[in-house]
Protein backbone atom coordinates (compact mmCIF):
# COMPACT_ATOMS: atom_id res chain seq x y z
CA MET A 1 -5.86 21.37 -79.01
CA ALA A 2 -4.82 24.66 -77.50
CA GLN A 3 -2.77 24.57 -74.32
CA ASP A 4 -4.97 24.22 -71.21
CA PRO A 5 -3.10 25.95 -68.34
CA ILE A 6 -3.75 25.21 -64.69
CA ASN A 7 -5.56 27.93 -62.75
CA VAL A 8 -3.35 28.56 -59.64
CA GLY A 9 -5.55 31.30 -58.15
CA THR A 10 -4.70 34.92 -57.44
CA LEU A 11 -3.02 34.52 -54.03
CA PRO A 12 -1.36 31.60 -52.23
CA ASN A 13 -4.02 29.29 -50.77
CA ASP A 14 -6.91 31.61 -51.72
CA ARG A 15 -8.78 28.47 -53.00
CA THR A 16 -9.82 30.22 -56.15
CA GLY A 17 -7.69 27.93 -58.46
CA ASP A 18 -8.37 24.49 -60.00
CA LEU A 19 -9.09 21.59 -57.70
CA TRP A 20 -6.24 19.04 -57.45
CA ARG A 21 -8.02 16.50 -59.56
CA ASN A 22 -8.94 18.96 -62.28
CA ALA A 23 -5.39 20.30 -62.36
CA PHE A 24 -3.92 16.81 -63.00
CA ILE A 25 -6.54 16.06 -65.60
CA LYS A 26 -5.15 19.10 -67.49
CA VAL A 27 -1.55 17.90 -66.92
CA ASN A 28 -2.39 14.48 -68.40
CA ALA A 29 -4.21 16.02 -71.38
CA ASN A 30 -1.37 18.32 -72.22
CA GLU A 31 1.23 15.56 -71.84
CA THR A 32 -0.80 13.17 -73.97
CA GLU A 33 -0.95 15.63 -76.79
CA LEU A 34 2.77 16.47 -76.51
CA PHE A 35 3.84 12.83 -76.56
CA THR A 36 1.55 12.01 -79.42
CA LYS A 37 3.15 14.77 -81.53
CA ILE A 38 6.66 13.71 -80.56
CA ASN A 39 5.90 10.08 -81.42
CA ALA A 40 4.34 11.15 -84.73
CA GLN A 41 7.58 12.83 -85.62
CA SER A 42 9.49 9.57 -84.87
CA PHE A 43 12.39 11.20 -83.12
CA ILE A 44 14.71 8.82 -81.32
CA PHE A 45 17.51 10.33 -79.25
CA ILE A 46 20.75 8.38 -79.33
CA ASP A 47 24.01 8.49 -77.32
CA GLY A 48 24.95 4.84 -77.50
CA ASP A 49 24.17 1.41 -78.99
CA ASP A 50 21.68 0.60 -76.21
CA LYS A 51 19.28 3.36 -77.39
CA PHE A 52 18.63 1.61 -80.78
CA GLU A 53 15.64 -0.72 -80.78
CA ASN A 54 16.96 -3.19 -83.47
CA THR A 55 20.53 -4.39 -83.34
CA THR A 56 22.48 -7.58 -84.08
CA PRO A 57 26.02 -8.35 -82.83
CA THR A 58 27.39 -6.62 -85.93
CA GLU A 59 24.67 -4.21 -87.19
CA ILE A 60 22.34 -1.40 -86.09
CA LEU A 61 19.17 -1.68 -88.13
CA LEU A 62 17.56 1.77 -88.53
CA GLU A 63 13.76 1.75 -88.75
CA ALA A 64 11.83 3.16 -91.65
CA ASN A 65 10.92 6.81 -91.38
CA LYS A 66 12.59 7.36 -88.03
CA ILE A 67 14.74 10.38 -87.27
CA TYR A 68 17.72 9.39 -85.10
CA VAL A 69 19.06 12.36 -83.20
CA THR A 70 22.60 12.12 -81.88
CA SER A 71 22.37 13.63 -78.41
CA GLY A 72 25.85 12.72 -77.29
CA SER A 73 29.09 11.42 -78.76
CA TYR A 74 29.51 7.60 -78.79
CA THR A 75 31.65 4.87 -80.25
CA THR A 76 30.33 1.63 -81.89
CA ASP A 77 31.65 -1.39 -83.69
CA LYS A 78 28.32 -1.99 -85.39
CA LYS A 79 27.48 -0.99 -88.92
CA PHE A 80 24.44 1.23 -89.60
CA ILE A 81 21.95 -0.32 -92.03
CA GLY A 82 19.49 2.26 -93.29
CA GLY A 83 15.74 1.85 -93.35
CA GLN A 84 13.42 3.42 -95.90
CA GLY A 85 13.28 7.18 -95.21
CA SER A 86 15.45 6.92 -92.10
CA VAL A 87 17.53 9.95 -91.08
CA MET A 88 20.70 10.32 -88.93
CA THR A 89 21.26 13.80 -87.55
CA ALA A 90 22.74 15.81 -84.67
CA PHE A 91 21.30 19.07 -85.98
CA ASN A 92 24.84 20.39 -85.63
CA ILE A 93 27.71 19.65 -87.94
CA PHE A 94 30.14 20.48 -85.09
CA GLY A 95 28.12 18.59 -82.43
CA PRO A 96 28.32 15.08 -81.09
CA VAL A 97 30.50 12.59 -83.09
CA ILE A 98 29.64 9.04 -83.96
CA THR A 99 32.75 6.94 -84.21
CA TYR A 100 32.61 3.55 -85.96
CA THR A 101 35.60 1.25 -85.21
CA GLY A 102 34.62 -1.59 -87.52
CA SER A 103 35.51 -2.29 -91.16
CA GLY A 104 33.39 -2.29 -94.39
CA ASP A 105 30.80 0.44 -94.65
CA MET A 106 29.70 2.67 -91.76
CA PHE A 107 26.37 3.61 -93.36
CA SER A 108 24.77 1.45 -96.11
CA GLY A 109 21.45 0.61 -97.61
CA THR A 110 19.87 -1.02 -100.66
CA ASP A 111 16.70 0.20 -102.32
CA ILE A 112 15.96 2.88 -99.74
CA ASP A 113 15.92 6.69 -99.44
CA PHE A 114 18.35 7.85 -96.78
CA SER A 115 19.61 11.14 -95.26
CA LEU A 116 22.66 11.96 -93.15
CA LEU A 117 22.21 15.49 -91.99
CA SER A 118 24.19 17.92 -89.81
CA GLN A 119 26.35 15.24 -88.27
CA SER A 120 30.02 14.49 -87.56
CA VAL A 121 31.19 10.91 -87.97
CA SER A 122 34.48 9.06 -88.03
CA CYS A 123 35.31 5.60 -89.41
CA PRO A 124 39.10 5.28 -89.70
CA ASN A 125 39.00 1.67 -90.79
CA ALA A 126 35.96 1.76 -93.06
CA ASN A 127 34.12 3.47 -95.87
CA ALA A 128 31.68 6.20 -94.81
CA ILE A 129 28.74 5.37 -97.12
CA ASN A 130 27.58 2.71 -99.58
CA PHE A 131 24.05 2.99 -101.06
CA SER A 132 22.63 1.21 -104.10
CA ASP A 133 19.41 0.88 -106.00
CA THR A 134 18.84 -2.51 -107.64
CA VAL A 135 15.92 -1.28 -109.71
CA GLY A 136 17.90 1.78 -110.72
CA GLY A 137 16.80 5.40 -110.90
CA VAL A 138 14.32 5.20 -107.92
CA ARG A 139 16.07 5.95 -104.64
CA ASN A 140 17.66 9.14 -103.24
CA LEU A 141 20.62 9.90 -101.00
CA SER A 142 21.22 13.21 -99.16
CA ILE A 143 24.47 13.96 -97.39
CA ILE A 144 24.17 17.47 -96.15
CA ASN A 145 26.14 19.43 -93.52
CA VAL A 146 28.30 16.31 -92.76
CA ARG A 147 31.85 16.05 -91.59
CA VAL A 148 33.60 12.66 -92.03
CA LEU A 149 36.64 13.21 -89.77
CA GLN A 150 38.39 10.16 -91.02
CA CYS A 151 37.66 7.23 -93.36
CA LEU A 152 39.35 4.88 -95.80
CA LYS A 153 36.93 5.85 -98.60
CA PHE A 154 34.20 8.41 -98.58
CA GLY A 155 31.91 5.98 -100.28
CA THR A 156 30.05 4.44 -103.22
CA VAL A 157 26.73 5.18 -104.87
CA ASN A 158 25.19 2.86 -107.35
CA ASP A 159 22.30 3.69 -109.68
CA LEU A 160 20.39 6.03 -107.40
CA VAL A 161 18.00 8.46 -108.94
CA SER A 162 19.61 11.44 -107.21
CA VAL A 163 22.63 12.05 -105.01
CA GLU A 164 23.03 15.25 -103.07
CA ILE A 165 26.30 16.03 -101.20
CA PHE A 166 26.28 19.55 -99.77
CA ASN A 167 28.29 21.53 -97.27
CA GLY A 168 30.87 19.49 -95.40
CA GLY A 169 33.97 17.52 -95.99
CA THR A 170 36.05 14.42 -95.39
CA PHE A 171 39.60 13.36 -94.68
CA CYS A 172 39.99 10.18 -96.57
CA THR A 173 42.28 7.80 -98.47
CA ASN A 174 39.86 7.74 -101.36
CA GLY A 175 36.80 9.67 -102.40
CA LEU A 176 33.42 9.07 -103.99
CA GLU A 177 32.93 6.27 -106.49
CA VAL A 178 29.94 6.57 -108.81
CA ILE A 179 28.54 3.38 -110.39
CA GLY A 180 25.66 2.79 -112.78
CA ASP A 181 23.61 4.46 -115.47
CA LYS A 182 20.12 5.11 -114.04
CA TYR A 183 20.73 8.43 -112.32
CA ARG A 184 18.87 11.65 -112.90
CA VAL A 185 21.25 13.96 -111.12
CA LEU A 186 24.45 13.98 -109.04
CA ASP A 187 25.06 17.25 -107.25
CA ILE A 188 28.15 18.06 -105.15
CA ASP A 189 28.30 21.55 -103.68
CA ASN A 190 30.70 23.16 -101.19
CA PHE A 191 32.32 19.89 -100.13
CA VAL A 192 35.96 19.30 -99.15
CA PHE A 193 38.12 16.26 -99.91
CA LEU A 194 41.43 16.25 -97.98
CA SER A 195 43.83 13.42 -98.33
CA LEU A 196 47.51 12.37 -97.92
CA SER A 197 47.07 9.61 -100.41
CA THR A 198 48.70 9.66 -103.85
CA SER A 199 45.98 7.34 -105.14
CA LEU A 200 43.03 9.57 -104.23
CA LYS A 201 40.34 10.16 -106.78
CA ALA A 202 38.01 12.66 -105.08
CA VAL A 203 35.18 11.93 -107.43
CA ASP A 204 35.53 8.81 -109.65
CA PHE A 205 32.82 8.45 -112.27
CA GLY A 206 34.44 5.23 -113.57
CA THR A 207 32.21 3.88 -116.39
CA SER A 208 28.99 5.40 -115.04
CA THR A 209 26.72 7.56 -117.23
CA LEU A 210 24.56 10.39 -115.97
CA PRO A 211 22.27 13.00 -117.59
CA ASN A 212 23.12 15.75 -115.05
CA ILE A 213 26.36 16.29 -113.18
CA LYS A 214 26.82 19.42 -111.01
CA VAL A 215 30.06 19.96 -109.11
CA ASN A 216 30.30 23.38 -107.52
CA ASP A 217 32.68 24.92 -105.03
CA MET A 218 34.38 21.57 -104.32
CA ILE A 219 37.79 21.76 -102.70
CA CYS A 220 40.33 18.98 -103.18
CA GLU A 221 43.79 18.89 -101.62
CA ALA A 222 46.09 15.89 -102.08
CA PRO A 223 49.65 15.14 -103.13
CA ALA A 224 50.97 14.45 -106.63
CA GLY A 225 49.48 11.28 -108.10
CA ALA A 226 46.02 12.02 -106.91
CA PHE A 227 43.16 13.24 -109.15
CA GLY A 228 40.23 15.59 -108.49
CA ILE A 229 37.73 14.29 -111.02
CA SER A 230 38.23 11.04 -112.96
CA GLY A 231 36.10 9.44 -115.64
CA GLN A 232 35.96 8.26 -119.23
CA VAL A 233 37.44 9.89 -122.33
CA ASN A 234 35.29 11.49 -125.01
CA ASN A 235 32.33 12.47 -122.77
CA GLY A 236 31.77 8.86 -121.81
CA ASN A 237 30.21 9.68 -118.43
CA VAL A 238 27.58 12.12 -119.77
CA ASP A 239 24.48 11.10 -121.70
CA VAL A 240 24.13 12.41 -125.28
CA GLY A 241 22.52 15.87 -125.29
CA SER A 242 23.16 16.34 -121.52
CA ILE A 243 25.71 18.50 -119.71
CA ALA A 244 28.10 18.27 -116.77
CA THR A 245 29.20 21.51 -115.02
CA VAL A 246 32.19 22.03 -112.83
CA LYS A 247 32.36 25.52 -111.33
CA GLY A 248 34.33 27.28 -108.58
CA CYS A 249 36.35 24.19 -107.63
CA SER A 250 39.98 24.14 -106.35
CA PHE A 251 42.59 21.32 -106.84
CA SER A 252 45.76 21.81 -104.84
CA GLY A 253 48.52 20.07 -102.98
CA GLY A 254 50.24 18.75 -106.12
CA MET A 255 47.30 16.67 -107.35
CA THR A 256 46.00 16.66 -110.93
CA ASP A 257 42.60 18.19 -111.51
CA LEU A 258 41.28 15.87 -114.20
CA GLU A 259 41.88 12.30 -115.36
CA ASN A 260 40.67 11.39 -118.91
CA ILE A 261 38.19 14.25 -118.93
CA THR A 262 39.21 17.54 -120.61
CA ILE A 263 37.93 21.03 -120.76
CA ASP A 264 37.27 20.60 -124.44
CA ASP A 265 34.90 17.63 -124.05
CA VAL A 266 31.63 18.78 -125.61
CA ARG A 267 29.41 17.66 -122.68
CA TRP A 268 31.56 19.19 -119.93
CA VAL A 269 31.64 22.87 -118.91
CA PHE A 270 34.40 24.15 -116.65
CA GLU A 271 34.25 27.64 -115.25
CA GLY A 272 36.15 29.52 -112.58
CA ASN A 273 38.13 26.53 -111.28
CA SER A 274 41.74 26.55 -110.05
CA PRO A 275 43.99 25.67 -111.76
CA THR A 276 41.72 24.23 -114.40
CA GLU A 277 41.29 26.36 -117.52
CA ASP A 278 37.82 27.48 -118.42
CA THR A 279 35.90 25.85 -121.24
CA PHE A 280 36.02 28.19 -124.22
CA PRO A 281 34.58 26.94 -127.53
CA ASP A 282 36.73 28.47 -130.29
CA ALA A 283 38.90 27.63 -133.24
CA LEU A 284 41.72 29.20 -135.24
CA ILE A 285 43.12 28.04 -138.55
CA GLY A 286 45.36 29.71 -141.09
CA PHE A 287 48.19 29.60 -143.63
CA ASN A 288 51.17 31.70 -144.70
CA GLY A 289 53.32 31.87 -147.84
CA ASN A 290 50.80 30.12 -150.08
CA SER A 291 51.48 30.14 -153.81
CA THR A 292 48.78 27.62 -154.98
CA GLU A 293 46.27 29.27 -157.29
CA THR A 294 42.62 29.17 -156.75
CA VAL A 295 41.42 28.15 -160.21
CA ILE A 296 38.76 30.36 -161.72
CA THR A 297 36.74 28.81 -164.55
CA THR A 298 33.36 29.58 -166.11
CA GLY A 299 30.71 28.70 -163.49
CA SER A 300 33.30 28.12 -160.81
CA GLY A 301 34.82 31.02 -159.01
CA ASP A 302 33.84 33.69 -161.43
CA LEU A 303 31.01 36.23 -161.06
CA ASP A 304 28.26 34.95 -158.61
CA ASN A 305 29.98 31.52 -158.33
CA PRO A 306 32.28 31.76 -155.30
CA ILE A 307 34.50 28.75 -154.40
CA PRO A 308 36.81 27.93 -151.49
CA ILE A 309 40.22 29.48 -151.46
CA THR A 310 42.82 26.90 -152.30
CA ALA A 311 45.46 26.57 -149.63
CA THR A 312 46.72 24.22 -146.94
CA TYR A 313 45.40 25.42 -143.62
CA VAL A 314 47.03 24.61 -140.26
CA GLU A 315 45.01 24.28 -137.05
CA GLU A 316 46.34 26.54 -134.29
CA ARG A 317 43.51 25.81 -131.82
CA ALA A 318 40.21 23.97 -131.81
CA SER A 319 37.78 23.43 -128.86
CA ARG A 320 34.46 21.90 -129.71
CA PHE A 321 35.43 22.30 -133.35
CA THR A 322 37.15 20.13 -135.88
CA THR A 323 39.13 21.53 -138.77
CA THR A 324 40.47 20.33 -142.12
CA SER A 325 43.48 21.24 -144.18
CA ASP A 326 41.30 22.68 -146.92
CA GLY A 327 39.85 25.30 -144.56
CA LYS A 328 36.62 23.78 -143.12
CA MET A 329 35.84 24.50 -139.50
CA LYS A 330 33.07 22.21 -138.10
CA TYR A 331 31.20 22.80 -134.83
CA VAL A 332 30.87 19.53 -132.88
CA GLY A 333 29.17 20.77 -129.74
CA GLU A 334 25.77 19.42 -128.88
CA ARG A 335 24.25 22.74 -127.79
CA PRO A 336 23.82 25.73 -130.09
CA ILE A 337 26.30 28.57 -129.73
CA ARG A 338 26.59 32.08 -131.05
CA GLY A 339 29.90 33.78 -131.47
CA PRO A 340 31.99 36.36 -133.22
CA ILE A 341 33.87 35.25 -136.35
CA ASP A 342 36.92 36.97 -137.86
CA LEU A 343 38.62 36.41 -141.14
CA ASN A 344 41.73 38.08 -142.51
CA PHE A 345 43.13 37.21 -146.00
CA GLY A 346 45.76 38.57 -148.24
CA LEU A 347 45.10 38.05 -151.97
CA ILE A 348 46.87 38.65 -155.26
CA ALA A 349 45.83 37.99 -158.88
CA ALA A 350 47.71 35.31 -160.82
CA GLY A 351 48.16 37.74 -163.70
CA GLY A 352 46.64 40.60 -165.68
CA GLY A 353 45.50 44.01 -164.57
CA SER A 354 43.15 45.17 -161.86
CA LYS A 355 40.53 42.64 -160.73
CA ASN A 356 37.52 43.10 -158.55
CA ILE A 357 37.41 40.29 -156.01
CA ARG A 358 34.79 39.39 -153.42
CA VAL A 359 35.59 37.32 -150.35
CA HIS A 360 32.74 35.55 -148.59
CA LEU A 361 32.10 33.68 -145.36
CA ALA A 362 30.24 30.46 -146.09
CA LYS A 363 28.23 28.21 -143.84
CA ASN A 364 27.51 24.59 -144.88
CA GLY A 365 28.70 25.23 -148.43
CA SER A 366 26.55 28.36 -148.98
CA VAL A 367 27.71 31.91 -148.68
CA ILE A 368 26.04 33.92 -145.91
CA ALA A 369 24.16 36.90 -147.18
CA ASN A 370 25.98 40.17 -146.51
CA ALA A 371 29.00 38.36 -145.06
CA PHE A 372 31.43 39.50 -147.71
CA ARG A 373 34.04 42.12 -148.47
CA ASP A 374 35.05 43.57 -151.89
CA VAL A 375 38.68 44.31 -152.78
CA THR A 376 40.68 45.26 -155.85
CA ILE A 377 43.84 43.37 -156.67
CA SER A 378 46.22 42.70 -159.60
CA GLY A 379 49.15 40.59 -160.43
CA SER A 380 51.47 43.16 -158.96
CA ASP A 381 49.18 44.72 -156.39
CA PRO A 382 48.04 42.44 -153.50
CA ASN A 383 45.41 43.49 -151.06
CA GLN A 384 44.14 42.48 -147.68
CA VAL A 385 40.54 41.71 -146.60
CA THR A 386 39.18 41.61 -143.08
CA LEU A 387 35.65 40.63 -142.14
CA PRO A 388 34.16 40.63 -138.63
CA TRP A 389 30.96 38.63 -138.43
CA GLN A 390 28.72 36.71 -135.95
CA ALA A 391 26.77 33.49 -136.49
CA ARG A 392 24.68 30.93 -134.60
CA LEU A 393 25.97 27.43 -135.00
CA VAL A 394 24.36 24.06 -134.24
CA GLU A 395 26.06 20.69 -134.26
CA ASP A 396 27.90 19.78 -137.52
CA ASP A 397 27.68 23.33 -138.96
CA GLU A 398 30.73 24.18 -141.08
CA LEU A 399 32.40 27.47 -141.83
CA GLN A 400 34.75 28.15 -144.74
CA VAL A 401 36.07 31.12 -146.68
CA TYR A 402 35.11 31.48 -150.39
CA VAL A 403 36.26 33.86 -153.15
CA GLU A 404 35.00 34.98 -156.53
CA ASN A 405 36.56 36.92 -159.46
CA ARG A 406 33.86 39.40 -160.46
CA ASP A 407 35.58 40.46 -163.70
CA ASP A 408 37.01 37.44 -165.56
CA GLU A 409 38.59 34.01 -165.15
CA VAL A 410 42.02 35.02 -163.97
CA ASN A 411 43.08 32.74 -161.07
CA ILE A 412 43.51 34.16 -157.48
CA ILE A 413 46.14 33.36 -154.98
CA GLY A 414 45.46 33.53 -151.21
CA GLU A 415 48.97 34.40 -149.95
CA PHE A 416 47.92 34.26 -146.30
CA GLY A 417 44.79 33.89 -144.28
CA THR A 418 43.26 33.24 -140.90
CA LEU A 419 39.76 32.13 -139.87
CA ARG A 420 38.74 32.37 -136.23
CA ILE A 421 35.59 31.87 -134.16
CA ARG A 422 35.59 32.62 -130.45
């Protein structure tokens, strides 16, 4: 209902206002509506253990769908056991601090959704969080605007559907451990891990697998021996066809940024991190001083029958590509890419007079239409061919350089050559 104000009259004691009884009827009605709305929101204001309704000698049991508001700093030796949909907040990340003096996990829950919002906590002898989903891929955890002033371990998450850790930080001995394979997304954004421990792993994916990993603007500072992000080799933490992104992060203090994971893993993308190099899919292969002849025979290498240039190629660089010594460059990324391609080859005829030669860029064993250059060479007059191109590649596409003698069956020698995509 709308507010029903008390009529106090125009002048003191002019007896034009509400009667006493009517005035207090309005007071009761207004208070009833106010308290009904407050109770519907389920706010419980807390500044000590005695304000919680359900406790045991060792635990504080948070009720389902209740919002616990920290109205004053307090210390407890009891663990907080979350209830479905329960929320802990001070509405101020720099406000009242909850200090837990016990061991184990300060906040934990199984098969529940839980939020810790705009709150400062400290648990010097314990882990800050530990939440798990026994069904897997159902429950959610939000840690937003939270400072963990001190803890042994930031915490563990196990098979939740989503984990959001935004805006805050922790001073810890160890970081976040990720367990399980039922997640939909793990998102860490603008969070700080500070540690004096040489064994810190700020985010440890272990053997977990996830379809979506987002780590943005994370700051990690720890001494040598510590790691920023740890996981499995060969994309083991990311589902096939999925992607993990790490952007704008900083790893300092002597720690190592990555353990087992690399910038060249096909399901990871690194961009704008320090000191981590950006992910850059590219490859470069080439050879010098080659004297092996590319054999031209009828139907193989002569007019309209190009064949690969015979040489032993050396890989100079390959990220998301594999290469072979006979000049094949295969894209192994799981997402299509489009990029510029450059080839530069020096050719000479194995004998005879002037020969018209055509050099092609081939994809998957077939020359690409219009991706060629013509050049004239002889046994005493080498020449050089350059070709800039661009192509779209999907997983397992191969590039290679082909050549054809458009005049006769005299062999061709590729004296030097490079093939690059970037």
